Amino acid sequence: MSIDFQKEKERIELKHSTYIGSIGIYMEFSEKIEDAFFKYYFYDGIREEEAINFIFSMFSSIVEEHLKGQKILDIERDLFQICNTEYVFYIYDCGKGTFLFDWNPKLADLDAALLLYYALKNLSQ
């Protein structure tokens, strides 16, 4: 039997953190990404004005995790596979100003980064 120490560490961190809420993101894709339509859902105490900060933090966290020595992140991915589904991102407070994020398991890490990237662009307009 092998143990995935990273998964075990994440499980322990989740156990010792406090759930503070969730953000749902739905991207309805048209022919071009510039025309994509976004819907945002806020669950369990997350306020709309907090959304851009949390989405930026989630995006930064995923990018930092996947870069690990690489100079660029490959975001040339098929957008169609992540459209027309609501993805819920769960936010946990680990204390001392740090947060842990978890999301729908059907979404690969790089697809999550792509969704969050376009959501950030949409929210900052």
Protein backbone atom coordinates (compact mmCIF):
# COMPACT_ATOMS: atom_id res chain seq x y z
CA MET A 1 0.00 0.00 0.00
CA SER A 2 1.40 3.41 -0.93
CA ILE A 3 0.56 6.70 0.75
CA ASP A 4 0.21 9.96 -1.13
CA PHE A 5 1.80 12.30 1.40
CA GLN A 6 0.56 15.45 -0.37
CA LYS A 7 -3.07 14.22 -0.21
CA GLU A 8 -2.62 13.22 3.43
CA LYS A 9 -1.18 16.66 4.26
CA GLU A 10 -4.14 18.34 2.52
CA ARG A 11 -6.60 16.13 4.42
CA ILE A 12 -5.02 17.08 7.76
CA GLU A 13 -4.99 20.79 6.81
CA LEU A 14 -8.67 20.60 5.88
CA LYS A 15 -9.48 18.87 9.16
CA HIS A 16 -7.85 21.71 11.14
CA SER A 17 -9.38 24.55 9.13
CA THR A 18 -12.74 26.29 9.22
CA TYR A 19 -15.13 26.25 6.26
CA ILE A 20 -16.12 29.84 5.48
CA GLY A 21 -18.16 29.52 2.28
CA SER A 22 -18.25 28.71 -1.40
CA ILE A 23 -18.26 30.45 -4.75
CA GLY A 24 -19.97 28.87 -7.75
CA ILE A 25 -18.79 29.88 -11.22
CA TYR A 26 -20.72 29.10 -14.39
CA MET A 27 -19.22 30.02 -17.77
CA GLU A 28 -21.54 29.87 -20.75
CA PHE A 29 -19.35 29.80 -23.84
CA SER A 30 -20.18 31.26 -27.20
CA GLU A 31 -18.02 31.24 -30.33
CA LYS A 32 -15.29 33.41 -28.74
CA ILE A 33 -14.08 33.59 -25.15
CA GLU A 34 -14.59 37.37 -25.23
CA ASP A 35 -18.34 36.70 -25.58
CA ALA A 36 -18.53 34.17 -22.75
CA PHE A 37 -21.24 34.83 -20.18
CA PHE A 38 -20.43 34.31 -16.48
CA LYS A 39 -22.75 33.69 -13.56
CA TYR A 40 -21.48 33.76 -9.97
CA TYR A 41 -23.19 32.14 -6.99
CA PHE A 42 -22.24 32.88 -3.39
CA TYR A 43 -22.91 30.26 -0.72
CA ASP A 44 -22.70 30.09 3.07
CA GLY A 45 -21.63 33.60 3.96
CA ILE A 46 -19.39 34.59 1.05
CA ARG A 47 -20.24 38.14 0.02
CA GLU A 48 -20.17 39.36 -3.56
CA GLU A 49 -17.57 42.02 -2.79
CA GLU A 50 -15.17 39.30 -1.55
CA ALA A 51 -15.40 37.30 -4.79
CA ILE A 52 -12.58 38.93 -6.76
CA ASN A 53 -10.12 38.58 -3.86
CA PHE A 54 -10.95 34.92 -3.30
CA ILE A 55 -10.91 34.09 -7.01
CA PHE A 56 -7.54 35.82 -7.37
CA SER A 57 -6.20 33.88 -4.36
CA MET A 58 -7.47 30.57 -5.76
CA PHE A 59 -5.98 31.28 -9.20
CA SER A 60 -2.63 32.31 -7.69
CA SER A 61 -2.54 29.23 -5.49
CA ILE A 62 -3.14 26.85 -8.42
CA VAL A 63 -0.57 28.61 -10.62
CA GLU A 64 2.04 28.57 -7.86
CA GLU A 65 1.40 24.86 -7.20
CA HIS A 66 1.78 23.91 -10.87
CA LEU A 67 4.65 26.13 -11.91
CA LYS A 68 7.21 24.64 -9.51
CA GLY A 69 10.27 25.72 -11.47
CA GLN A 70 8.59 26.12 -14.86
CA LYS A 71 8.59 29.56 -16.41
CA ILE A 72 5.10 29.47 -17.98
CA LEU A 73 1.82 27.73 -17.33
CA ASP A 74 0.20 25.96 -20.29
CA ILE A 75 -3.28 27.46 -20.55
CA GLU A 76 -3.81 26.52 -24.18
CA ARG A 77 -6.61 24.13 -23.32
CA ASP A 78 -10.02 23.29 -24.70
CA LEU A 79 -12.53 25.65 -23.13
CA PHE A 80 -15.58 23.73 -24.31
CA GLN A 81 -15.07 20.97 -21.76
CA ILE A 82 -15.39 23.38 -18.80
CA CYS A 83 -18.36 25.39 -20.07
CA ASN A 84 -22.03 25.12 -19.15
CA THR A 85 -21.40 23.56 -15.74
CA GLU A 86 -21.37 25.26 -12.37
CA TYR A 87 -18.11 24.62 -10.55
CA VAL A 88 -18.18 25.24 -6.81
CA PHE A 89 -14.99 26.34 -5.08
CA TYR A 90 -14.96 25.69 -1.32
CA ILE A 91 -12.98 28.11 0.85
CA TYR A 92 -11.44 27.17 4.21
CA ASP A 93 -9.70 29.48 6.68
CA CYS A 94 -6.50 27.94 8.06
CA GLY A 95 -5.83 30.86 10.39
CA LYS A 96 -3.09 33.50 10.29
CA GLY A 97 -4.45 34.92 7.04
CA THR A 98 -4.05 31.72 5.01
CA PHE A 99 -6.76 29.93 3.10
CA LEU A 100 -7.19 26.49 1.61
CA PHE A 101 -9.31 25.90 -1.48
CA ASP A 102 -11.04 22.79 -2.74
CA TRP A 103 -13.35 22.37 -5.71
CA ASN A 104 -15.53 20.05 -7.70
CA PRO A 105 -13.42 16.93 -8.36
CA LYS A 106 -14.54 16.74 -12.00
CA LEU A 107 -12.39 19.78 -12.76
CA ALA A 108 -8.66 19.21 -13.39
CA ASP A 109 -6.25 21.68 -11.73
CA LEU A 110 -5.23 23.37 -14.99
CA ASP A 111 -8.86 23.61 -16.09
CA ALA A 112 -9.66 25.22 -12.73
CA ALA A 113 -6.85 27.72 -13.33
CA LEU A 114 -8.24 28.51 -16.78
CA LEU A 115 -11.78 29.00 -15.47
CA LEU A 116 -10.54 31.24 -12.65
CA TYR A 117 -8.35 33.23 -15.06
CA TYR A 118 -11.29 34.08 -17.31
CA ALA A 119 -13.56 34.73 -14.30
CA LEU A 120 -10.99 37.25 -12.99
CA LYS A 121 -10.86 38.98 -16.37
CA ASN A 122 -14.68 39.10 -16.40
CA LEU A 123 -14.96 40.48 -12.85
CA SER A 124 -12.32 43.15 -13.39
CA GLN A 125 -14.17 44.67 -16.39
